[in-house]
C-alpha atoms as a PDB file:
ATOM      1  CA  MET A   1      92.637 157.659 113.205  1.00  0.00           C
ATOM      2  CA  HIS A   2      96.105 159.427 112.151  1.00  0.00           C
ATOM      3  CA  GLN A   3      99.164 160.373 114.010  1.00  0.00           C
ATOM      4  CA  LYS A   4     102.768 161.543 113.005  1.00  0.00           C
ATOM      5  CA  VAL A   5     105.471 159.276 113.385  1.00  0.00           C
ATOM      6  CA  PRO A   6     109.354 159.843 112.663  1.00  0.00           C
ATOM      7  CA  ALA A   7     111.038 157.841 109.951  1.00  0.00           C
ATOM      8  CA  GLY A   8     112.802 154.590 110.635  1.00  0.00           C
ATOM      9  CA  VAL A   9     110.955 153.874 113.947  1.00  0.00           C
ATOM     10  CA  CYS A  10     110.073 150.272 114.542  1.00  0.00           C
ATOM     11  CA  PHE A  11     107.657 148.731 117.028  1.00  0.00           C
ATOM     12  CA  PRO A  12     104.991 146.134 117.278  1.00  0.00           C
ATOM     13  CA  VAL A  13     101.615 146.588 115.208  1.00  0.00           C
ATOM     14  CA  SER A  14      99.790 145.662 118.176  1.00  0.00           C
ATOM     15  CA  PRO A  15     100.368 144.352 121.784  1.00  0.00           C
ATOM     16  CA  GLU A  16      98.844 141.091 120.852  1.00  0.00           C
ATOM     17  CA  GLU A  17     101.017 140.403 117.974  1.00  0.00           C
ATOM     18  CA  GLY A  18     104.337 140.875 120.049  1.00  0.00           C
ATOM     19  CA  PRO A  19     107.721 142.322 119.262  1.00  0.00           C
ATOM     20  CA  GLN A  20     108.195 140.115 116.300  1.00  0.00           C
ATOM     21  CA  SER A  21     105.893 142.308 114.049  1.00  0.00           C
ATOM     22  CA  PHE A  22     107.835 145.549 113.439  1.00  0.00           C
ATOM     23  CA  ILE A  23     106.822 148.241 110.850  1.00  0.00           C
ATOM     24  CA  GLU A  24     109.280 150.817 109.512  1.00  0.00           C
ATOM     25  CA  TYR A  25     107.769 154.152 108.570  1.00  0.00           C
ATOM     26  CA  LYS A  26     109.232 155.693 105.779  1.00  0.00           C
ATOM     27  CA  ALA A  27     107.804 159.243 105.663  1.00  0.00           C
ATOM     28  CA  GLU A  28     108.668 161.409 108.596  1.00  0.00           C
ATOM     29  CA  GLY A  29     105.976 163.411 109.805  1.00  0.00           C
ATOM     30  CA  GLN A  30     103.365 162.153 107.460  1.00  0.00           C
ATOM     31  CA  PRO A  31     100.137 161.175 108.797  1.00  0.00           C
ATOM     32  CA  ILE A  32      99.631 157.484 108.719  1.00  0.00           C
ATOM     33  CA  HIS A  33      96.200 155.565 109.226  1.00  0.00           C
ATOM     34  CA  LEU A  34      96.644 152.934 111.993  1.00  0.00           C
ATOM     35  CA  TYR A  35      94.643 150.297 110.066  1.00  0.00           C
ATOM     36  CA  SER A  36      96.950 150.651 107.042  1.00  0.00           C
ATOM     37  CA  LEU A  37      99.869 149.531 109.243  1.00  0.00           C
ATOM     38  CA  VAL A  38      99.502 145.755 108.148  1.00  0.00           C
ATOM     39  CA  MET A  39     100.205 146.834 104.579  1.00  0.00           C
ATOM     40  CA  PHE A  40     103.908 147.737 105.369  1.00  0.00           C
ATOM     41  CA  GLN A  41     106.611 145.316 104.971  1.00  0.00           C
ATOM     42  CA  GLN A  42     107.595 143.745 108.396  1.00  0.00           C
ATOM     43  CA  ARG A  43     111.279 143.906 109.228  1.00  0.00           C
ATOM     44  CA  CYS A  44     113.260 142.412 112.284  1.00  0.00           C
ATOM     45  CA  SER A  45     116.859 142.526 112.314  1.00  0.00           C
ATOM     46  CA  LEU A  46     119.262 142.360 115.234  1.00  0.00           C
ATOM     47  CA  ALA A  47     119.297 145.988 115.765  1.00  0.00           C
ATOM     48  CA  GLN A  48     115.588 146.192 115.566  1.00  0.00           C
ATOM     49  CA  CYS A  49     114.945 143.450 118.152  1.00  0.00           C
ATOM     50  CA  PRO A  50     114.219 144.520 121.719  1.00  0.00           C
ATOM     51  CA  GLN A  51     117.093 144.411 124.064  1.00  0.00           C
ATOM     52  CA  ASN A  52     115.531 141.678 126.292  1.00  0.00           C
ATOM     53  CA  LEU A  53     115.262 139.324 123.147  1.00  0.00           C
ATOM     54  CA  THR A  54     118.826 139.664 122.177  1.00  0.00           C
ATOM     55  CA  ARG A  55     120.146 137.803 125.274  1.00  0.00           C
ATOM     56  CA  VAL A  56     118.403 134.619 125.633  1.00  0.00           C
ATOM     57  CA  SER A  57     119.848 132.591 128.585  1.00  0.00           C
ATOM     58  CA  GLU A  58     117.220 129.822 128.572  1.00  0.00           C
ATOM     59  CA  PHE A  59     114.135 128.259 126.814  1.00  0.00           C
ATOM     60  CA  PHE A  60     111.043 126.620 128.177  1.00  0.00           C
ATOM     61  CA  LEU A  61     110.110 123.263 126.911  1.00  0.00           C
ATOM     62  CA  MET A  62     106.570 122.022 126.233  1.00  0.00           C
ATOM     63  CA  SER A  63     104.988 119.899 128.827  1.00  0.00           C
ATOM     64  CA  PHE A  64     102.865 116.883 128.060  1.00  0.00           C
ATOM     65  CA  SER A  65      99.988 117.775 130.421  1.00  0.00           C
ATOM     66  CA  ASP A  66      99.212 120.545 132.998  1.00  0.00           C
ATOM     67  CA  ASP A  67      97.015 118.081 134.852  1.00  0.00           C
ATOM     68  CA  PRO A  68      98.767 117.229 138.089  1.00  0.00           C
ATOM     69  CA  GLU A  69      97.012 113.932 138.253  1.00  0.00           C
ATOM     70  CA  LEU A  70      98.717 112.816 135.017  1.00  0.00           C
ATOM     71  CA  GLN A  71     102.233 113.764 136.192  1.00  0.00           C
ATOM     72  CA  SER A  72     102.936 110.702 138.074  1.00  0.00           C
ATOM     73  CA  LEU A  73     101.534 108.481 135.552  1.00  0.00           C
ATOM     74  CA  LEU A  74     103.658 110.146 132.864  1.00  0.00           C
ATOM     75  CA  PHE A  75     106.695 109.930 135.258  1.00  0.00           C
ATOM     76  CA  GLY A  76     106.125 106.196 135.694  1.00  0.00           C
ATOM     77  CA  LEU A  77     105.526 105.487 132.006  1.00  0.00           C
ATOM     78  CA  PHE A  78     108.548 107.336 130.570  1.00  0.00           C
ATOM     79  CA  LEU A  79     110.858 105.997 133.392  1.00  0.00           C
ATOM     80  CA  SER A  80     109.718 102.408 132.703  1.00  0.00           C
ATOM     81  CA  MET A  81     110.129 102.956 128.862  1.00  0.00           C
ATOM     82  CA  TYR A  82     113.755 104.338 129.400  1.00  0.00           C
ATOM     83  CA  LEU A  83     114.755 101.587 131.673  1.00  0.00           C
ATOM     84  CA  VAL A  84     113.476  98.848 129.254  1.00  0.00           C
ATOM     85  CA  THR A  85     115.207 100.459 126.262  1.00  0.00           C
ATOM     86  CA  VAL A  86     118.529 100.626 128.017  1.00  0.00           C
ATOM     87  CA  LEU A  87     118.297  97.086 129.515  1.00  0.00           C
ATOM     88  CA  GLY A  88     117.129  95.601 126.382  1.00  0.00           C
ATOM     89  CA  ASN A  89     119.877  97.282 124.308  1.00  0.00           C
ATOM     90  CA  LEU A  90     122.504  96.424 126.964  1.00  0.00           C
ATOM     91  CA  LEU A  91     121.476  92.805 126.834  1.00  0.00           C
ATOM     92  CA  ILE A  92     122.230  92.641 123.152  1.00  0.00           C
ATOM     93  CA  ILE A  93     125.582  94.260 123.423  1.00  0.00           C
ATOM     94  CA  LEU A  94     126.489  91.780 126.164  1.00  0.00           C
ATOM     95  CA  ALA A  95     125.027  88.870 124.276  1.00  0.00           C
ATOM     96  CA  VAL A  96     127.040  89.712 120.966  1.00  0.00           C
ATOM     97  CA  SER A  97     130.422  90.646 122.944  1.00  0.00           C
ATOM     98  CA  SER A  98     130.075  87.480 125.271  1.00  0.00           C
ATOM     99  CA  ASP A  99     129.172  84.796 122.763  1.00  0.00           C
ATOM    100  CA  SER A 100     131.690  83.675 120.099  1.00  0.00           C
ATOM    101  CA  HIS A 101     128.894  82.591 117.695  1.00  0.00           C
ATOM    102  CA  LEU A 102     127.919  86.110 117.349  1.00  0.00           C
ATOM    103  CA  HIS A 103     131.230  87.590 116.477  1.00  0.00           C
ATOM    104  CA  THR A 104     130.134  88.213 112.869  1.00  0.00           C
ATOM    105  CA  PRO A 105     129.737  91.489 110.994  1.00  0.00           C
ATOM    106  CA  MET A 106     126.093  91.509 111.291  1.00  0.00           C
ATOM    107  CA  TYR A 107     125.966  91.306 115.060  1.00  0.00           C
ATOM    108  CA  PHE A 108     128.989  93.709 115.316  1.00  0.00           C
ATOM    109  CA  PHE A 109     126.928  96.363 113.534  1.00  0.00           C
ATOM    110  CA  LEU A 110     123.873  95.319 115.681  1.00  0.00           C
ATOM    111  CA  SER A 111     125.753  95.851 118.988  1.00  0.00           C
ATOM    112  CA  ASN A 112     127.004  99.338 117.560  1.00  0.00           C
ATOM    113  CA  LEU A 113     123.103 100.161 116.716  1.00  0.00           C
ATOM    114  CA  SER A 114     122.105  99.095 120.232  1.00  0.00           C
ATOM    115  CA  LEU A 115     124.815 101.378 121.719  1.00  0.00           C
ATOM    116  CA  ALA A 116     123.615 104.352 119.678  1.00  0.00           C
ATOM    117  CA  ASP A 117     119.921 103.612 120.693  1.00  0.00           C
ATOM    118  CA  ILE A 118     121.051 103.842 124.284  1.00  0.00           C
ATOM    119  CA  CYS A 119     122.727 107.229 123.648  1.00  0.00           C
ATOM    120  CA  PHE A 120     119.813 108.634 121.543  1.00  0.00           C
ATOM    121  CA  ILE A 121     117.148 107.989 124.155  1.00  0.00           C
ATOM    122  CA  SER A 122     119.442 109.080 126.898  1.00  0.00           C
ATOM    123  CA  ILE A 123     119.606 112.490 125.378  1.00  0.00           C
ATOM    124  CA  THR A 124     116.078 113.471 125.870  1.00  0.00           C
ATOM    125  CA  VAL A 125     114.213 111.146 128.290  1.00  0.00           C
ATOM    126  CA  PRO A 126     116.266 111.618 131.551  1.00  0.00           C
ATOM    127  CA  LYS A 127     115.768 115.384 130.995  1.00  0.00           C
ATOM    128  CA  MET A 128     111.997 114.931 130.434  1.00  0.00           C
ATOM    129  CA  ILE A 129     111.551 112.700 133.398  1.00  0.00           C
ATOM    130  CA  VAL A 130     113.320 115.211 135.700  1.00  0.00           C
ATOM    131  CA  ASP A 131     111.211 117.938 134.268  1.00  0.00           C
ATOM    132  CA  ILE A 132     108.079 115.973 135.075  1.00  0.00           C
ATOM    133  CA  GLN A 133     109.093 115.305 138.555  1.00  0.00           C
ATOM    134  CA  THR A 134     110.252 118.757 139.383  1.00  0.00           C
ATOM    135  CA  HIS A 135     107.560 120.503 137.415  1.00  0.00           C
ATOM    136  CA  SER A 136     110.280 122.551 135.701  1.00  0.00           C
ATOM    137  CA  ARG A 137     110.488 123.027 131.865  1.00  0.00           C
ATOM    138  CA  VAL A 138     113.548 125.395 131.870  1.00  0.00           C
ATOM    139  CA  ILE A 139     116.705 124.319 129.670  1.00  0.00           C
ATOM    140  CA  ALA A 140     119.739 126.704 129.492  1.00  0.00           C
ATOM    141  CA  TYR A 141     120.729 127.772 126.129  1.00  0.00           C
ATOM    142  CA  GLY A 142     123.966 126.011 126.359  1.00  0.00           C
ATOM    143  CA  ASP A 143     122.320 122.819 127.276  1.00  0.00           C
ATOM    144  CA  CYS A 144     119.716 123.258 124.404  1.00  0.00           C
ATOM    145  CA  LEU A 145     122.370 123.463 121.853  1.00  0.00           C
ATOM    146  CA  THR A 146     124.304 120.359 123.396  1.00  0.00           C
ATOM    147  CA  GLN A 147     121.046 118.403 123.469  1.00  0.00           C
ATOM    148  CA  MET A 148     120.339 119.365 119.795  1.00  0.00           C
ATOM    149  CA  SER A 149     123.805 118.412 118.806  1.00  0.00           C
ATOM    150  CA  PHE A 150     123.848 114.857 120.302  1.00  0.00           C
ATOM    151  CA  LEU A 151     120.296 114.200 119.270  1.00  0.00           C
ATOM    152  CA  ILE A 152     121.184 114.826 115.726  1.00  0.00           C
ATOM    153  CA  LEU A 153     124.406 112.895 116.157  1.00  0.00           C
ATOM    154  CA  PHE A 154     122.997 109.642 117.313  1.00  0.00           C
ATOM    155  CA  GLY A 155     119.845 110.022 115.086  1.00  0.00           C
ATOM    156  CA  CYS A 156     122.014 110.223 112.038  1.00  0.00           C
ATOM    157  CA  MET A 157     124.359 107.386 113.529  1.00  0.00           C
ATOM    158  CA  ASP A 158     121.150 105.195 113.544  1.00  0.00           C
ATOM    159  CA  GLY A 159     120.325 105.889 109.916  1.00  0.00           C
ATOM    160  CA  MET A 160     124.038 105.385 108.806  1.00  0.00           C
ATOM    161  CA  LEU A 161     124.367 101.996 110.743  1.00  0.00           C
ATOM    162  CA  LEU A 162     121.052 100.732 109.276  1.00  0.00           C
ATOM    163  CA  THR A 163     122.555 101.483 105.722  1.00  0.00           C
ATOM    164  CA  VAL A 164     125.587  99.566 106.662  1.00  0.00           C
ATOM    165  CA  MET A 165     123.509  96.568 108.047  1.00  0.00           C
ATOM    166  CA  ALA A 166     121.591  96.777 104.594  1.00  0.00           C
ATOM    167  CA  TYR A 167     124.897  96.582 102.795  1.00  0.00           C
ATOM    168  CA  ASP A 168     126.083  93.701 105.004  1.00  0.00           C
ATOM    169  CA  ARG A 169     122.819  91.794 104.093  1.00  0.00           C
ATOM    170  CA  PHE A 170     123.526  92.438 100.522  1.00  0.00           C
ATOM    171  CA  VAL A 171     126.938  91.152 100.364  1.00  0.00           C
ATOM    172  CA  ALA A 172     125.866  88.007 102.507  1.00  0.00           C
ATOM    173  CA  ILE A 173     122.722  87.136 100.021  1.00  0.00           C
ATOM    174  CA  CYS A 174     124.043  88.307  96.541  1.00  0.00           C
ATOM    175  CA  HIS A 175     127.851  87.409  97.015  1.00  0.00           C
ATOM    176  CA  PRO A 176     127.969  84.703  99.739  1.00  0.00           C
ATOM    177  CA  LEU A 177     131.188  83.089  98.626  1.00  0.00           C
ATOM    178  CA  TYR A 178     133.081  86.477  98.968  1.00  0.00           C
ATOM    179  CA  TYR A 179     131.307  87.799 102.152  1.00  0.00           C
ATOM    180  CA  PRO A 180     134.333  86.703 104.534  1.00  0.00           C
ATOM    181  CA  VAL A 181     136.849  88.503 102.284  1.00  0.00           C
ATOM    182  CA  ILE A 182     134.694  91.569 101.759  1.00  0.00           C
ATOM    183  CA  MET A 183     133.360  92.116 105.085  1.00  0.00           C
ATOM    184  CA  ASN A 184     136.545  91.666 106.999  1.00  0.00           C
ATOM    185  CA  PRO A 185     137.159  93.041 110.398  1.00  0.00           C
ATOM    186  CA  CYS A 186     139.039  96.105 109.179  1.00  0.00           C
ATOM    187  CA  LEU A 187     136.188  97.198 106.726  1.00  0.00           C
ATOM    188  CA  CYS A 188     133.600  96.701 109.402  1.00  0.00           C
ATOM    189  CA  CYS A 189     135.565  99.094 111.952  1.00  0.00           C
ATOM    190  CA  LEU A 190     136.033 101.530 109.097  1.00  0.00           C
ATOM    191  CA  LEU A 191     132.351 101.544 108.106  1.00  0.00           C
ATOM    192  CA  VAL A 192     131.349 102.158 111.873  1.00  0.00           C
ATOM    193  CA  LEU A 193     133.972 104.986 112.093  1.00  0.00           C
ATOM    194  CA  VAL A 194     132.987 106.714 108.721  1.00  0.00           C
ATOM    195  CA  SER A 195     129.275 106.391 110.013  1.00  0.00           C
ATOM    196  CA  PHE A 196     130.272 108.246 113.197  1.00  0.00           C
ATOM    197  CA  LEU A 197     132.335 110.957 111.352  1.00  0.00           C
ATOM    198  CA  ILE A 198     129.625 111.521 108.920  1.00  0.00           C
ATOM    199  CA  SER A 199     127.023 111.862 111.831  1.00  0.00           C
ATOM    200  CA  LEU A 200     129.209 114.230 113.598  1.00  0.00           C
ATOM    201  CA  LEU A 201     129.702 116.558 110.540  1.00  0.00           C
ATOM    202  CA  ASP A 202     125.851 116.495 110.216  1.00  0.00           C
ATOM    203  CA  SER A 203     125.352 117.458 113.856  1.00  0.00           C
ATOM    204  CA  GLN A 204     127.969 120.294 113.642  1.00  0.00           C
ATOM    205  CA  LEU A 205     126.404 121.737 110.569  1.00  0.00           C
ATOM    206  CA  HIS A 206     123.132 121.860 112.155  1.00  0.00           C
ATOM    207  CA  ASN A 207     124.671 123.383 115.243  1.00  0.00           C
ATOM    208  CA  LEU A 208     126.465 126.017 113.154  1.00  0.00           C
ATOM    209  CA  ILE A 209     123.171 126.969 111.603  1.00  0.00           C
ATOM    210  CA  VAL A 210     121.547 127.599 114.850  1.00  0.00           C
ATOM    211  CA  LEU A 211     124.629 129.505 116.316  1.00  0.00           C
ATOM    212  CA  GLN A 212     123.801 132.135 113.716  1.00  0.00           C
ATOM    213  CA  LEU A 213     120.627 132.967 115.433  1.00  0.00           C
ATOM    214  CA  THR A 214     121.120 135.670 117.743  1.00  0.00           C
ATOM    215  CA  CYS A 215     117.669 137.179 118.274  1.00  0.00           C
ATOM    216  CA  PHE A 216     114.572 135.197 119.350  1.00  0.00           C
ATOM    217  CA  LYS A 217     111.044 136.540 119.436  1.00  0.00           C
ATOM    218  CA  ASP A 218     109.842 133.742 122.028  1.00  0.00           C
ATOM    219  CA  VAL A 219     111.558 131.242 124.293  1.00  0.00           C
ATOM    220  CA  LYS A 220     108.847 128.785 124.414  1.00  0.00           C
ATOM    221  CA  ILE A 221     109.918 125.510 122.465  1.00  0.00           C
ATOM    222  CA  SER A 222     106.745 123.440 121.030  1.00  0.00           C
ATOM    223  CA  ASN A 223     108.257 120.132 121.950  1.00  0.00           C
ATOM    224  CA  PHE A 224     109.841 118.270 124.867  1.00  0.00           C
ATOM    225  CA  PHE A 225     113.386 118.726 123.559  1.00  0.00           C
ATOM    226  CA  CYS A 226     115.533 121.176 121.623  1.00  0.00           C
ATOM    227  CA  ASP A 227     115.038 120.886 117.740  1.00  0.00           C
ATOM    228  CA  PRO A 228     116.725 123.050 115.102  1.00  0.00           C
ATOM    229  CA  SER A 229     113.513 123.649 113.238  1.00  0.00           C
ATOM    230  CA  GLN A 230     111.967 124.880 116.567  1.00  0.00           C
ATOM    231  CA  LEU A 231     114.789 127.388 117.090  1.00  0.00           C
ATOM    232  CA  LEU A 232     114.572 128.505 113.672  1.00  0.00           C
ATOM    233  CA  HIS A 233     110.931 129.204 114.013  1.00  0.00           C
ATOM    234  CA  LEU A 234     111.504 131.130 117.153  1.00  0.00           C
ATOM    235  CA  ALA A 235     114.185 133.309 115.454  1.00  0.00           C
ATOM    236  CA  CYS A 236     113.666 137.059 115.064  1.00  0.00           C
ATOM    237  CA  SER A 237     115.921 137.614 112.273  1.00  0.00           C
ATOM    238  CA  ASP A 238     115.184 136.375 108.756  1.00  0.00           C
ATOM    239  CA  THR A 239     115.850 132.624 108.632  1.00  0.00           C
ATOM    240  CA  PHE A 240     115.293 131.881 104.941  1.00  0.00           C
ATOM    241  CA  THR A 241     118.655 130.976 104.043  1.00  0.00           C
ATOM    242  CA  ASN A 242     119.261 128.945 107.237  1.00  0.00           C
ATOM    243  CA  ASN A 243     116.183 126.896 106.596  1.00  0.00           C
ATOM    244  CA  ILE A 244     117.151 126.248 103.038  1.00  0.00           C
ATOM    245  CA  VAL A 245     120.736 125.020 104.325  1.00  0.00           C
ATOM    246  CA  MET A 246     119.307 123.060 107.006  1.00  0.00           C
ATOM    247  CA  TYR A 247     116.762 121.188 105.120  1.00  0.00           C
ATOM    248  CA  PHE A 248     119.393 120.633 102.404  1.00  0.00           C
ATOM    249  CA  VAL A 249     121.681 119.155 104.813  1.00  0.00           C
ATOM    250  CA  GLY A 250     118.959 117.110 106.324  1.00  0.00           C
ATOM    251  CA  THR A 251     117.914 115.860 103.075  1.00  0.00           C
ATOM    252  CA  ILE A 252     121.401 114.712 102.112  1.00  0.00           C
ATOM    253  CA  SER A 253     122.030 113.064 105.489  1.00  0.00           C
ATOM    254  CA  GLY A 254     118.763 111.287 105.500  1.00  0.00           C
ATOM    255  CA  GLY A 255     118.301 110.711 101.830  1.00  0.00           C
ATOM    256  CA  VAL A 256     121.632 109.274 100.980  1.00  0.00           C
ATOM    257  CA  PRO A 257     121.469 106.379 103.542  1.00  0.00           C
ATOM    258  CA  LEU A 258     117.918 105.756 102.505  1.00  0.00           C
ATOM    259  CA  SER A 259     118.837 105.437  98.972  1.00  0.00           C
ATOM    260  CA  GLY A 260     121.643 103.038  99.988  1.00  0.00           C
ATOM    261  CA  ILE A 261     119.032 100.962 101.753  1.00  0.00           C
ATOM    262  CA  PHE A 262     116.753 101.032  98.748  1.00  0.00           C
ATOM    263  CA  PHE A 263     119.499  99.901  96.456  1.00  0.00           C
ATOM    264  CA  SER A 264     120.633  97.061  98.755  1.00  0.00           C
ATOM    265  CA  TYR A 265     117.205  95.539  99.121  1.00  0.00           C
ATOM    266  CA  TYR A 266     116.556  95.938  95.385  1.00  0.00           C
ATOM    267  CA  LYS A 267     119.659  93.789  94.605  1.00  0.00           C
ATOM    268  CA  ILE A 268     118.651  91.431  97.535  1.00  0.00           C
ATOM    269  CA  VAL A 269     115.235  90.943  96.166  1.00  0.00           C
ATOM    270  CA  SER A 270     116.329  90.429  92.722  1.00  0.00           C
ATOM    271  CA  SER A 271     118.753  87.868  93.870  1.00  0.00           C
ATOM    272  CA  ILE A 272     115.984  86.001  96.102  1.00  0.00           C
ATOM    273  CA  LEU A 273     113.575  85.866  93.420  1.00  0.00           C
ATOM    274  CA  ARG A 274     116.093  83.852  91.306  1.00  0.00           C
ATOM    275  CA  VAL A 275     116.304  81.106  94.140  1.00  0.00           C
ATOM    276  CA  PRO A 276     114.285  78.170  92.828  1.00  0.00           C
ATOM    277  CA  SER A 277     113.078  76.679  96.151  1.00  0.00           C
ATOM    278  CA  ILE A 278     110.265  78.347  98.490  1.00  0.00           C
ATOM    279  CA  GLY A 279     112.329  77.317 101.323  1.00  0.00           C
ATOM    280  CA  GLY A 280     115.468  79.082 100.018  1.00  0.00           C
ATOM    281  CA  LYS A 281     113.510  82.105  99.387  1.00  0.00           C
ATOM    282  CA  TYR A 282     111.914  82.061 102.901  1.00  0.00           C
ATOM    283  CA  LYS A 283     115.203  81.634 104.623  1.00  0.00           C
ATOM    284  CA  ALA A 284     116.954  84.598 102.794  1.00  0.00           C
ATOM    285  CA  PHE A 285     113.887  86.912 103.394  1.00  0.00           C
ATOM    286  CA  SER A 286     113.883  85.895 107.136  1.00  0.00           C
ATOM    287  CA  THR A 287     117.520  87.118 107.429  1.00  0.00           C
ATOM    288  CA  CYS A 288     116.302  90.508 106.480  1.00  0.00           C
ATOM    289  CA  GLY A 289     113.011  90.550 108.435  1.00  0.00           C
ATOM    290  CA  SER A 290     114.232  92.195 111.368  1.00  0.00           C
ATOM    291  CA  HIS A 291     116.273  94.702 109.768  1.00  0.00           C
ATOM    292  CA  LEU A 292     113.657  95.838 107.326  1.00  0.00           C
ATOM    293  CA  SER A 293     111.180  96.057 110.237  1.00  0.00           C
ATOM    294  CA  VAL A 294     113.565  98.394 112.085  1.00  0.00           C
ATOM    295  CA  VAL A 295     114.123 100.593 109.001  1.00  0.00           C
ATOM    296  CA  CYS A 296     110.592 101.055 108.354  1.00  0.00           C
ATOM    297  CA  LEU A 297     110.005 102.003 112.010  1.00  0.00           C
ATOM    298  CA  PHE A 298     112.869 104.377 112.088  1.00  0.00           C
ATOM    299  CA  TYR A 299     112.278 106.213 108.650  1.00  0.00           C
ATOM    300  CA  GLY A 300     108.620 106.120 109.152  1.00  0.00           C
ATOM    301  CA  THR A 301     108.662 108.067 112.507  1.00  0.00           C
ATOM    302  CA  ALA A 302     111.703 110.232 111.353  1.00  0.00           C
ATOM    303  CA  PHE A 303     109.427 111.451 108.320  1.00  0.00           C
ATOM    304  CA  GLY A 304     106.649 112.084 110.667  1.00  0.00           C
ATOM    305  CA  VAL A 305     108.959 114.507 112.699  1.00  0.00           C
ATOM    306  CA  TYR A 306     110.172 116.121 109.475  1.00  0.00           C
ATOM    307  CA  LEU A 307     106.776 116.555 107.839  1.00  0.00           C
ATOM    308  CA  GLY A 308     105.540 117.841 111.220  1.00  0.00           C
ATOM    309  CA  SER A 309     108.225 120.533 111.303  1.00  0.00           C
ATOM    310  CA  THR A 310     107.502 121.806 107.743  1.00  0.00           C
ATOM    311  CA  SER A 311     103.793 121.823 107.778  1.00  0.00           C
ATOM    312  CA  LEU A 312     101.463 124.021 109.805  1.00  0.00           C
ATOM    313  CA  PRO A 313     102.419 123.760 113.474  1.00  0.00           C
ATOM    314  CA  CYS A 314     100.354 121.395 115.810  1.00  0.00           C
ATOM    315  CA  PRO A 315     102.216 121.127 118.973  1.00  0.00           C
ATOM    316  CA  ARG A 316     100.290 118.042 120.146  1.00  0.00           C
ATOM    317  CA  LYS A 317     100.798 116.128 116.988  1.00  0.00           C
ATOM    318  CA  ASP A 318     104.328 117.077 116.714  1.00  0.00           C
ATOM    319  CA  VAL A 319     105.092 115.822 120.230  1.00  0.00           C
ATOM    320  CA  ALA A 320     103.400 112.550 119.498  1.00  0.00           C
ATOM    321  CA  ALA A 321     105.442 111.956 116.427  1.00  0.00           C
ATOM    322  CA  SER A 322     108.622 113.018 118.366  1.00  0.00           C
ATOM    323  CA  VAL A 323     107.781 110.438 121.148  1.00  0.00           C
ATOM    324  CA  MET A 324     107.629 107.677 118.574  1.00  0.00           C
ATOM    325  CA  TYR A 325     110.828 108.761 117.027  1.00  0.00           C
ATOM    326  CA  THR A 326     112.890 109.415 120.252  1.00  0.00           C
ATOM    327  CA  VAL A 327     111.362 107.013 122.526  1.00  0.00           C
ATOM    328  CA  VAL A 328     109.412 104.169 121.100  1.00  0.00           C
ATOM    329  CA  THR A 329     111.745 103.317 118.246  1.00  0.00           C
ATOM    330  CA  PRO A 330     114.899 102.615 120.357  1.00  0.00           C
ATOM    331  CA  LEU A 331     112.347 100.852 122.808  1.00  0.00           C
ATOM    332  CA  LEU A 332     111.194  98.278 120.071  1.00  0.00           C
ATOM    333  CA  ASN A 333     114.334  97.661 118.336  1.00  0.00           C
ATOM    334  CA  PRO A 334     115.808  95.112 120.933  1.00  0.00           C
ATOM    335  CA  PHE A 335     112.322  93.355 120.916  1.00  0.00           C
ATOM    336  CA  ILE A 336     112.336  93.146 117.096  1.00  0.00           C
ATOM    337  CA  TYR A 337     115.821  91.660 116.887  1.00  0.00           C
ATOM    338  CA  SER A 338     115.631  89.332 119.994  1.00  0.00           C
ATOM    339  CA  LEU A 339     111.983  87.964 119.262  1.00  0.00           C
ATOM    340  CA  ARG A 340     112.780  87.184 115.480  1.00  0.00           C
ATOM    341  CA  ASN A 341     116.447  86.101 115.921  1.00  0.00           C
ATOM    342  CA  ARG A 342     117.160  82.627 117.016  1.00  0.00           C
ATOM    343  CA  ASP A 343     120.840  83.337 117.503  1.00  0.00           C
ATOM    344  CA  ILE A 344     120.123  86.232 120.004  1.00  0.00           C
ATOM    345  CA  LYS A 345     117.774  84.340 121.948  1.00  0.00           C
ATOM    346  CA  SER A 346     120.287  81.376 122.098  1.00  0.00           C
ATOM    347  CA  ALA A 347     123.013  83.731 123.221  1.00  0.00           C
ATOM    348  CA  LEU A 348     120.729  85.383 125.773  1.00  0.00           C
ATOM    349  CA  TRP A 349     119.837  81.942 127.251  1.00  0.00           C
ATOM    350  CA  ARG A 350     123.299  80.958 127.359  1.00  0.00           C
ATOM    351  CA  LEU A 351     124.367  84.243 129.136  1.00  0.00           C
ATOM    352  CA  HIS A 352     121.591  83.621 131.602  1.00  0.00           C
ATOM    353  CA  SER A 353     122.705  80.130 132.309  1.00  0.00           C
ATOM    354  CA  ARG A 354     126.282  81.254 132.828  1.00  0.00           C
ATOM    355  CA  THR A 355     125.068  83.976 135.239  1.00  0.00           C
ATOM    356  CA  VAL A 356     123.086  81.603 137.191  1.00  0.00           C
ATOM    357  CA  SER A 357     125.647  78.845 137.591  1.00  0.00           C
ATOM    358  CA  SER A 358     128.125  81.328 138.570  1.00  0.00           C
END
């Protein structure tokens, strides 16, 4: 089957493939076999995108289940997880701030980590709970960018604070005599401030990358929150450079803190192995156990989300990894620190006693 087409015309190869598959015909008036269309190079620039795809005002987030009977269960489950996470991290913040025994660099960083976890889970879960209850999956374009920016900000903040806490343990174990001098209040505040500024820079770089996208071939996001990799996947224009820049920035912002953690624990383990007594080794390792558990949980789920975004898309598996990263990790952090830490448990008990007596 042949037909004549003018040069420079772009349209979909087939209705099923949608507007993202455009073919440019180079020879005006030349007969072109329809089955040979797939041999032409696909092009999709802003000028070639249909008009209705260049003005995206909202996206549709992915739902966990379309089964009405599961909606109430999911609503109750995520609401309970959110409340437990917020209350657990708030208790740690209150315990650290109200107990003078916990006014140390380690617990100062822990309280900031708890605050970052509260903000981190509050970016996605409340919106998800409302969507489940109202059966709506719509998110405005501006809200999507805002959610993405804050999610990256507090996610990166978590990683930076975990690195700072690893450095704190390194100084405490490897240089105990100089610990009060090195980890002075000014340095502690400076480390938290620098962590926030680096996280803010990382967030804005990702935001700038996404803002370059002006044409989208679809508005359905295969996750329950806005993610830069998802938006790049939906982009109609060429995103090769954007992907390279985004993954480079992500590798730097994630790899550098992780390298700092590895270096700190390498020094810590080397120092502990030189301790002659078994009891001394166990005591030194026990001070790092909670932090190491949180590091493994945070980076394990983060790599799951990262690998899911770079491999072949499987929405259900990606959502499961995202739930572990954005919901389960902040939920478990206060339990890990409170159950394995006598100081936190004692401070919480004293806080409870003062509350009851008053």
